[in-house]
Amino acid sequence: MKEFTYLVTDELGIHARPAGLLAKLAKTYPGTTVTVTKGETTVKASQLMKLMNLGVKKGNTVTVAADGPAEEEAIAALEQFFKENL
């Protein structure tokens, strides 16, 4: 399993547009589970509504993890996505 921690700097946090893009990106790695954790709550990044229900706001820290055959590729793409969008 690979993971990274990210401090959200987007004014709106993880809202509809980036959440949708993140869910779509997470689904491009079949067999690899991508999760986002805020505090004690962990959800699959591919599940849009659960991702939005985390309530991630500006200033929150999240941990993103990938576990599976494409974890190296997935974690690199996800880290880039977070830097560019959140």
PDB file of N, CA and C in Angstrom:
ATOM      1  N   MET A   1       0.850  -1.179   0.000  1.00  0.00           N
ATOM      2  CA  MET A   1       0.000   0.000   0.000  1.00  0.00           C
ATOM      3  C   MET A   1       0.889   1.233   0.000  1.00  0.00           C
ATOM      4  N   LYS A   2       0.515   2.192  -0.840  1.00  0.00           N
ATOM      5  CA  LYS A   2       1.209   3.476  -0.911  1.00  0.00           C
ATOM      6  C   LYS A   2       0.235   4.552  -0.461  1.00  0.00           C
ATOM      7  N   GLU A   3       0.764   5.601   0.185  1.00  0.00           N
ATOM      8  CA  GLU A   3      -0.106   6.685   0.623  1.00  0.00           C
ATOM      9  C   GLU A   3       0.652   7.995   0.727  1.00  0.00           C
ATOM     10  N   PHE A   4      -0.123   9.079   0.776  1.00  0.00           N
ATOM     11  CA  PHE A   4       0.452  10.394   1.025  1.00  0.00           C
ATOM     12  C   PHE A   4      -0.565  11.210   1.810  1.00  0.00           C
ATOM     13  N   THR A   5      -0.067  12.224   2.486  1.00  0.00           N
ATOM     14  CA  THR A   5      -0.916  13.130   3.256  1.00  0.00           C
ATOM     15  C   THR A   5      -0.914  14.475   2.559  1.00  0.00           C
ATOM     16  N   TYR A   6      -2.078  15.125   2.501  1.00  0.00           N
ATOM     17  CA  TYR A   6      -2.207  16.376   1.769  1.00  0.00           C
ATOM     18  C   TYR A   6      -3.025  17.380   2.563  1.00  0.00           C
ATOM     19  N   LEU A   7      -2.533  18.625   2.618  1.00  0.00           N
ATOM     20  CA  LEU A   7      -3.258  19.730   3.253  1.00  0.00           C
ATOM     21  C   LEU A   7      -4.061  20.425   2.172  1.00  0.00           C
ATOM     22  N   VAL A   8      -5.380  20.415   2.284  1.00  0.00           N
ATOM     23  CA  VAL A   8      -6.260  20.988   1.268  1.00  0.00           C
ATOM     24  C   VAL A   8      -6.173  22.518   1.323  1.00  0.00           C
ATOM     25  N   THR A   9      -5.880  23.121   0.166  1.00  0.00           N
ATOM     26  CA  THR A   9      -5.737  24.579   0.091  1.00  0.00           C
ATOM     27  C   THR A   9      -6.838  25.233  -0.739  1.00  0.00           C
ATOM     28  N   ASP A  10      -7.652  24.445  -1.438  1.00  0.00           N
ATOM     29  CA  ASP A  10      -8.760  24.993  -2.222  1.00  0.00           C
ATOM     30  C   ASP A  10      -9.764  25.649  -1.277  1.00  0.00           C
ATOM     31  N   GLU A  11     -10.236  26.826  -1.651  1.00  0.00           N
ATOM     32  CA  GLU A  11     -11.180  27.585  -0.811  1.00  0.00           C
ATOM     33  C   GLU A  11     -12.435  26.793  -0.451  1.00  0.00           C
ATOM     34  N   LEU A  12     -12.891  25.946  -1.362  1.00  0.00           N
ATOM     35  CA  LEU A  12     -14.131  25.192  -1.146  1.00  0.00           C
ATOM     36  C   LEU A  12     -13.901  23.761  -0.688  1.00  0.00           C
ATOM     37  N   GLY A  13     -12.641  23.354  -0.561  1.00  0.00           N
ATOM     38  CA  GLY A  13     -12.345  21.987  -0.148  1.00  0.00           C
ATOM     39  C   GLY A  13     -12.681  21.000  -1.254  1.00  0.00           C
ATOM     40  N   ILE A  14     -13.065  19.787  -0.870  1.00  0.00           N
ATOM     41  CA  ILE A  14     -13.451  18.785  -1.869  1.00  0.00           C
ATOM     42  C   ILE A  14     -14.944  18.958  -2.129  1.00  0.00           C
ATOM     43  N   HIS A  15     -15.263  19.765  -3.149  1.00  0.00           N
ATOM     44  CA  HIS A  15     -16.645  20.018  -3.531  1.00  0.00           C
ATOM     45  C   HIS A  15     -16.978  19.217  -4.787  1.00  0.00           C
ATOM     46  N   ALA A  16     -18.127  19.448  -5.371  1.00  0.00           N
ATOM     47  CA  ALA A  16     -18.662  18.597  -6.447  1.00  0.00           C
ATOM     48  C   ALA A  16     -17.714  18.387  -7.627  1.00  0.00           C
ATOM     49  N   ARG A  17     -17.161  19.451  -8.192  1.00  0.00           N
ATOM     50  CA  ARG A  17     -16.334  19.293  -9.390  1.00  0.00           C
ATOM     51  C   ARG A  17     -15.084  18.463  -9.130  1.00  0.00           C
ATOM     52  N   PRO A  18     -14.222  18.832  -8.157  1.00  0.00           N
ATOM     53  CA  PRO A  18     -13.036  18.005  -7.949  1.00  0.00           C
ATOM     54  C   PRO A  18     -13.365  16.609  -7.413  1.00  0.00           C
ATOM     55  N   ALA A  19     -14.449  16.481  -6.651  1.00  0.00           N
ATOM     56  CA  ALA A  19     -14.834  15.159  -6.145  1.00  0.00           C
ATOM     57  C   ALA A  19     -15.206  14.248  -7.307  1.00  0.00           C
ATOM     58  N   GLY A  20     -15.932  14.778  -8.291  1.00  0.00           N
ATOM     59  CA  GLY A  20     -16.311  13.995  -9.459  1.00  0.00           C
ATOM     60  C   GLY A  20     -15.100  13.568 -10.272  1.00  0.00           C
ATOM     61  N   LEU A  21     -14.165  14.499 -10.451  1.00  0.00           N
ATOM     62  CA  LEU A  21     -12.944  14.189 -11.190  1.00  0.00           C
ATOM     63  C   LEU A  21     -12.087  13.166 -10.441  1.00  0.00           C
ATOM     64  N   LEU A  22     -12.031  13.299  -9.124  1.00  0.00           N
ATOM     65  CA  LEU A  22     -11.264  12.371  -8.302  1.00  0.00           C
ATOM     66  C   LEU A  22     -11.859  10.969  -8.364  1.00  0.00           C
ATOM     67  N   ALA A  23     -13.181  10.877  -8.279  1.00  0.00           N
ATOM     68  CA  ALA A  23     -13.854   9.573  -8.358  1.00  0.00           C
ATOM     69  C   ALA A  23     -13.591   8.929  -9.715  1.00  0.00           C
ATOM     70  N   LYS A  24     -13.658   9.730 -10.766  1.00  0.00           N
ATOM     71  CA  LYS A  24     -13.404   9.219 -12.117  1.00  0.00           C
ATOM     72  C   LYS A  24     -11.962   8.716 -12.245  1.00  0.00           C
ATOM     73  N   LEU A  25     -11.017   9.475 -11.710  1.00  0.00           N
ATOM     74  CA  LEU A  25      -9.611   9.077 -11.750  1.00  0.00           C
ATOM     75  C   LEU A  25      -9.393   7.776 -10.974  1.00  0.00           C
ATOM     76  N   ALA A  26      -9.991   7.674  -9.795  1.00  0.00           N
ATOM     77  CA  ALA A  26      -9.821   6.480  -8.957  1.00  0.00           C
ATOM     78  C   ALA A  26     -10.330   5.224  -9.655  1.00  0.00           C
ATOM     79  N   LYS A  27     -11.342   5.368 -10.494  1.00  0.00           N
ATOM     80  CA  LYS A  27     -11.923   4.215 -11.199  1.00  0.00           C
ATOM     81  C   LYS A  27     -11.054   3.740 -12.357  1.00  0.00           C
ATOM     82  N   THR A  28     -10.039   4.510 -12.733  1.00  0.00           N
ATOM     83  CA  THR A  28      -9.199   4.121 -13.876  1.00  0.00           C
ATOM     84  C   THR A  28      -8.136   3.106 -13.499  1.00  0.00           C
ATOM     85  N   TYR A  29      -8.111   2.662 -12.245  1.00  0.00           N
ATOM     86  CA  TYR A  29      -7.132   1.673 -11.784  1.00  0.00           C
ATOM     87  C   TYR A  29      -7.854   0.437 -11.280  1.00  0.00           C
ATOM     88  N   PRO A  30      -8.347  -0.424 -12.195  1.00  0.00           N
ATOM     89  CA  PRO A  30      -9.099  -1.615 -11.783  1.00  0.00           C
ATOM     90  C   PRO A  30      -8.248  -2.550 -10.930  1.00  0.00           C
ATOM     91  N   GLY A  31      -8.860  -3.045  -9.886  1.00  0.00           N
ATOM     92  CA  GLY A  31      -8.146  -3.950  -8.996  1.00  0.00           C
ATOM     93  C   GLY A  31      -7.345  -3.233  -7.925  1.00  0.00           C
ATOM     94  N   THR A  32      -7.288  -1.911  -8.014  1.00  0.00           N
ATOM     95  CA  THR A  32      -6.567  -1.106  -7.019  1.00  0.00           C
ATOM     96  C   THR A  32      -7.587  -0.285  -6.251  1.00  0.00           C
ATOM     97  N   THR A  33      -7.568  -0.404  -4.926  1.00  0.00           N
ATOM     98  CA  THR A  33      -8.491   0.337  -4.085  1.00  0.00           C
ATOM     99  C   THR A  33      -7.850   1.655  -3.672  1.00  0.00           C
ATOM    100  N   VAL A  34      -8.548   2.751  -3.971  1.00  0.00           N
ATOM    101  CA  VAL A  34      -8.069   4.083  -3.605  1.00  0.00           C
ATOM    102  C   VAL A  34      -8.991   4.618  -2.509  1.00  0.00           C
ATOM    103  N   THR A  35      -8.398   5.061  -1.402  1.00  0.00           N
ATOM    104  CA  THR A  35      -9.201   5.589  -0.301  1.00  0.00           C
ATOM    105  C   THR A  35      -8.735   6.983   0.090  1.00  0.00           C
ATOM    106  N   VAL A  36      -9.669   7.737   0.679  1.00  0.00           N
ATOM    107  CA  VAL A  36      -9.371   9.061   1.231  1.00  0.00           C
ATOM    108  C   VAL A  36      -9.814   9.024   2.684  1.00  0.00           C
ATOM    109  N   THR A  37      -8.924   9.450   3.585  1.00  0.00           N
ATOM    110  CA  THR A  37      -9.225   9.437   5.013  1.00  0.00           C
ATOM    111  C   THR A  37      -9.144  10.844   5.575  1.00  0.00           C
ATOM    112  N   LYS A  38     -10.200  11.234   6.315  1.00  0.00           N
ATOM    113  CA  LYS A  38     -10.207  12.493   7.055  1.00  0.00           C
ATOM    114  C   LYS A  38     -10.548  12.126   8.491  1.00  0.00           C
ATOM    115  N   GLY A  39      -9.627  12.409   9.390  1.00  0.00           N
ATOM    116  CA  GLY A  39      -9.838  12.032  10.781  1.00  0.00           C
ATOM    117  C   GLY A  39      -9.929  10.528  10.914  1.00  0.00           C
ATOM    118  N   GLU A  40     -11.042  10.046  11.455  1.00  0.00           N
ATOM    119  CA  GLU A  40     -11.242   8.615  11.660  1.00  0.00           C
ATOM    120  C   GLU A  40     -12.063   7.966  10.542  1.00  0.00           C
ATOM    121  N   THR A  41     -12.476   8.772   9.554  1.00  0.00           N
ATOM    122  CA  THR A  41     -13.361   8.268   8.508  1.00  0.00           C
ATOM    123  C   THR A  41     -12.602   8.023   7.211  1.00  0.00           C
ATOM    124  N   THR A  42     -12.753   6.818   6.673  1.00  0.00           N
ATOM    125  CA  THR A  42     -12.121   6.438   5.411  1.00  0.00           C
ATOM    126  C   THR A  42     -13.198   6.026   4.429  1.00  0.00           C
ATOM    127  N   VAL A  43     -13.110   6.554   3.205  1.00  0.00           N
ATOM    128  CA  VAL A  43     -14.053   6.186   2.152  1.00  0.00           C
ATOM    129  C   VAL A  43     -13.286   5.849   0.879  1.00  0.00           C
ATOM    130  N   LYS A  44     -13.924   5.060   0.016  1.00  0.00           N
ATOM    131  CA  LYS A  44     -13.332   4.773  -1.285  1.00  0.00           C
ATOM    132  C   LYS A  44     -13.463   6.022  -2.143  1.00  0.00           C
ATOM    133  N   ALA A  45     -12.374   6.395  -2.798  1.00  0.00           N
ATOM    134  CA  ALA A  45     -12.370   7.604  -3.618  1.00  0.00           C
ATOM    135  C   ALA A  45     -13.291   7.470  -4.823  1.00  0.00           C
ATOM    136  N   SER A  46     -13.619   6.259  -5.223  1.00  0.00           N
ATOM    137  CA  SER A  46     -14.484   6.042  -6.376  1.00  0.00           C
ATOM    138  C   SER A  46     -15.963   6.255  -6.052  1.00  0.00           C
ATOM    139  N   GLN A  47     -16.297   6.420  -4.777  1.00  0.00           N
ATOM    140  CA  GLN A  47     -17.684   6.607  -4.365  1.00  0.00           C
ATOM    141  C   GLN A  47     -17.946   8.096  -4.121  1.00  0.00           C
ATOM    142  N   LEU A  48     -18.470   8.762  -5.142  1.00  0.00           N
ATOM    143  CA  LEU A  48     -18.622  10.215  -5.156  1.00  0.00           C
ATOM    144  C   LEU A  48     -19.349  10.771  -3.939  1.00  0.00           C
ATOM    145  N   MET A  49     -20.504  10.246  -3.627  1.00  0.00           N
ATOM    146  CA  MET A  49     -21.299  10.811  -2.528  1.00  0.00           C
ATOM    147  C   MET A  49     -20.600  10.643  -1.175  1.00  0.00           C
ATOM    148  N   LYS A  50     -19.992   9.494  -0.954  1.00  0.00           N
ATOM    149  CA  LYS A  50     -19.274   9.281   0.303  1.00  0.00           C
ATOM    150  C   LYS A  50     -18.077  10.222   0.388  1.00  0.00           C
ATOM    151  N   LEU A  51     -17.425  10.443  -0.742  1.00  0.00           N
ATOM    152  CA  LEU A  51     -16.286  11.349  -0.795  1.00  0.00           C
ATOM    153  C   LEU A  51     -16.721  12.765  -0.422  1.00  0.00           C
ATOM    154  N   MET A  52     -17.828  13.213  -0.974  1.00  0.00           N
ATOM    155  CA  MET A  52     -18.329  14.554  -0.661  1.00  0.00           C
ATOM    156  C   MET A  52     -18.814  14.648   0.791  1.00  0.00           C
ATOM    157  N   ASN A  53     -19.349  13.547   1.313  1.00  0.00           N
ATOM    158  CA  ASN A  53     -19.856  13.542   2.691  1.00  0.00           C
ATOM    159  C   ASN A  53     -18.749  13.605   3.741  1.00  0.00           C
ATOM    160  N   LEU A  54     -17.497  13.426   3.322  1.00  0.00           N
ATOM    161  CA  LEU A  54     -16.385  13.590   4.277  1.00  0.00           C
ATOM    162  C   LEU A  54     -16.330  15.020   4.800  1.00  0.00           C
ATOM    163  N   GLY A  55     -16.827  15.948   4.005  1.00  0.00           N
ATOM    164  CA  GLY A  55     -16.844  17.350   4.433  1.00  0.00           C
ATOM    165  C   GLY A  55     -15.456  17.965   4.512  1.00  0.00           C
ATOM    166  N   VAL A  56     -14.594  17.651   3.565  1.00  0.00           N
ATOM    167  CA  VAL A  56     -13.233  18.174   3.573  1.00  0.00           C
ATOM    168  C   VAL A  56     -13.251  19.642   3.169  1.00  0.00           C
ATOM    169  N   LYS A  57     -12.734  20.498   4.031  1.00  0.00           N
ATOM    170  CA  LYS A  57     -12.694  21.942   3.811  1.00  0.00           C
ATOM    171  C   LYS A  57     -11.250  22.416   3.714  1.00  0.00           C
ATOM    172  N   LYS A  58     -11.094  23.670   3.338  1.00  0.00           N
ATOM    173  CA  LYS A  58      -9.761  24.264   3.284  1.00  0.00           C
ATOM    174  C   LYS A  58      -9.115  24.163   4.666  1.00  0.00           C
ATOM    175  N   GLY A  59      -7.855  23.745   4.691  1.00  0.00           N
ATOM    176  CA  GLY A  59      -7.126  23.611   5.947  1.00  0.00           C
ATOM    177  C   GLY A  59      -7.166  22.214   6.546  1.00  0.00           C
ATOM    178  N   ASN A  60      -8.048  21.348   6.013  1.00  0.00           N
ATOM    179  CA  ASN A  60      -8.101  19.965   6.495  1.00  0.00           C
ATOM    180  C   ASN A  60      -6.970  19.154   5.874  1.00  0.00           C
ATOM    181  N   THR A  61      -6.500  18.174   6.622  1.00  0.00           N
ATOM    182  CA  THR A  61      -5.493  17.259   6.109  1.00  0.00           C
ATOM    183  C   THR A  61      -6.160  15.922   5.836  1.00  0.00           C
ATOM    184  N   VAL A  62      -5.888  15.375   4.655  1.00  0.00           N
ATOM    185  CA  VAL A  62      -6.425  14.064   4.286  1.00  0.00           C
ATOM    186  C   VAL A  62      -5.270  13.125   3.952  1.00  0.00           C
ATOM    187  N   THR A  63      -5.517  11.844   4.111  1.00  0.00           N
ATOM    188  CA  THR A  63      -4.549  10.828   3.706  1.00  0.00           C
ATOM    189  C   THR A  63      -5.163  10.050   2.554  1.00  0.00           C
ATOM    190  N   VAL A  64      -4.417   9.970   1.469  1.00  0.00           N
ATOM    191  CA  VAL A  64      -4.870   9.253   0.283  1.00  0.00           C
ATOM    192  C   VAL A  64      -4.018   7.998   0.165  1.00  0.00           C
ATOM    193  N   ALA A  65      -4.677   6.850  -0.004  1.00  0.00           N
ATOM    194  CA  ALA A  65      -3.955   5.574  -0.087  1.00  0.00           C
ATOM    195  C   ALA A  65      -4.422   4.790  -1.303  1.00  0.00           C
ATOM    196  N   ALA A  66      -3.494   4.015  -1.851  1.00  0.00           N
ATOM    197  CA  ALA A  66      -3.808   3.112  -2.964  1.00  0.00           C
ATOM    198  C   ALA A  66      -3.234   1.748  -2.627  1.00  0.00           C
ATOM    199  N   ASP A  67      -4.034   0.717  -2.831  1.00  0.00           N
ATOM    200  CA  ASP A  67      -3.605  -0.644  -2.525  1.00  0.00           C
ATOM    201  C   ASP A  67      -4.052  -1.571  -3.657  1.00  0.00           C
ATOM    202  N   GLY A  68      -3.081  -2.176  -4.320  1.00  0.00           N
ATOM    203  CA  GLY A  68      -3.400  -3.083  -5.403  1.00  0.00           C
ATOM    204  C   GLY A  68      -2.303  -3.103  -6.457  1.00  0.00           C
ATOM    205  N   PRO A  69      -2.553  -3.772  -7.571  1.00  0.00           N
ATOM    206  CA  PRO A  69      -1.515  -3.955  -8.580  1.00  0.00           C
ATOM    207  C   PRO A  69      -1.022  -2.659  -9.232  1.00  0.00           C
ATOM    208  N   ALA A  70      -1.855  -1.623  -9.270  1.00  0.00           N
ATOM    209  CA  ALA A  70      -1.452  -0.360  -9.912  1.00  0.00           C
ATOM    210  C   ALA A  70      -1.229   0.745  -8.882  1.00  0.00           C
ATOM    211  N   GLU A  71      -0.891   0.367  -7.644  1.00  0.00           N
ATOM    212  CA  GLU A  71      -0.795   1.380  -6.581  1.00  0.00           C
ATOM    213  C   GLU A  71       0.264   2.440  -6.844  1.00  0.00           C
ATOM    214  N   GLU A  72       1.401   2.047  -7.417  1.00  0.00           N
ATOM    215  CA  GLU A  72       2.467   3.026  -7.691  1.00  0.00           C
ATOM    216  C   GLU A  72       1.981   4.082  -8.669  1.00  0.00           C
ATOM    217  N   GLU A  73       1.408   3.621  -9.767  1.00  0.00           N
ATOM    218  CA  GLU A  73       0.906   4.526 -10.797  1.00  0.00           C
ATOM    219  C   GLU A  73      -0.251   5.376 -10.257  1.00  0.00           C
ATOM    220  N   ALA A  74      -1.155   4.745  -9.518  1.00  0.00           N
ATOM    221  CA  ALA A  74      -2.324   5.446  -8.974  1.00  0.00           C
ATOM    222  C   ALA A  74      -1.912   6.531  -7.998  1.00  0.00           C
ATOM    223  N   ILE A  75      -1.012   6.234  -7.092  1.00  0.00           N
ATOM    224  CA  ILE A  75      -0.643   7.207  -6.066  1.00  0.00           C
ATOM    225  C   ILE A  75       0.066   8.407  -6.687  1.00  0.00           C
ATOM    226  N   ALA A  76       0.871   8.173  -7.720  1.00  0.00           N
ATOM    227  CA  ALA A  76       1.547   9.278  -8.413  1.00  0.00           C
ATOM    228  C   ALA A  76       0.520  10.179  -9.097  1.00  0.00           C
ATOM    229  N   ALA A  77      -0.451   9.570  -9.769  1.00  0.00           N
ATOM    230  CA  ALA A  77      -1.483  10.348 -10.460  1.00  0.00           C
ATOM    231  C   ALA A  77      -2.366  11.099  -9.472  1.00  0.00           C
ATOM    232  N   LEU A  78      -2.702  10.464  -8.360  1.00  0.00           N
ATOM    233  CA  LEU A  78      -3.548  11.102  -7.352  1.00  0.00           C
ATOM    234  C   LEU A  78      -2.843  12.266  -6.674  1.00  0.00           C
ATOM    235  N   GLU A  79      -1.559  12.089  -6.380  1.00  0.00           N
ATOM    236  CA  GLU A  79      -0.811  13.175  -5.750  1.00  0.00           C
ATOM    237  C   GLU A  79      -0.753  14.381  -6.691  1.00  0.00           C
ATOM    238  N   GLN A  80      -0.534  14.136  -7.955  1.00  0.00           N
ATOM    239  CA  GLN A  80      -0.525  15.213  -8.956  1.00  0.00           C
ATOM    240  C   GLN A  80      -1.894  15.883  -9.037  1.00  0.00           C
ATOM    241  N   PHE A  81      -2.955  15.071  -9.009  1.00  0.00           N
ATOM    242  CA  PHE A  81      -4.322  15.602  -9.051  1.00  0.00           C
ATOM    243  C   PHE A  81      -4.584  16.526  -7.861  1.00  0.00           C
ATOM    244  N   PHE A  82      -4.210  16.103  -6.670  1.00  0.00           N
ATOM    245  CA  PHE A  82      -4.432  16.917  -5.481  1.00  0.00           C
ATOM    246  C   PHE A  82      -3.668  18.231  -5.565  1.00  0.00           C
ATOM    247  N   LYS A  83      -2.439  18.193  -6.023  1.00  0.00           N
ATOM    248  CA  LYS A  83      -1.632  19.419  -6.147  1.00  0.00           C
ATOM    249  C   LYS A  83      -2.246  20.392  -7.145  1.00  0.00           C
ATOM    250  N   GLU A  84      -2.813  19.877  -8.234  1.00  0.00           N
ATOM    251  CA  GLU A  84      -3.367  20.722  -9.276  1.00  0.00           C
ATOM    252  C   GLU A  84      -4.789  21.201  -8.995  1.00  0.00           C
ATOM    253  N   ASN A  85      -5.551  20.439  -8.222  1.00  0.00           N
ATOM    254  CA  ASN A  85      -6.983  20.742  -8.053  1.00  0.00           C
ATOM    255  C   ASN A  85      -7.439  21.068  -6.641  1.00  0.00           C
ATOM    256  N   LEU A  86      -6.650  20.716  -5.639  1.00  0.00           N
ATOM    257  CA  LEU A  86      -7.113  20.913  -4.271  1.00  0.00           C
ATOM    258  C   LEU A  86      -6.067  21.591  -3.420  1.00  0.00           C
TER     259      LEU A  86
END
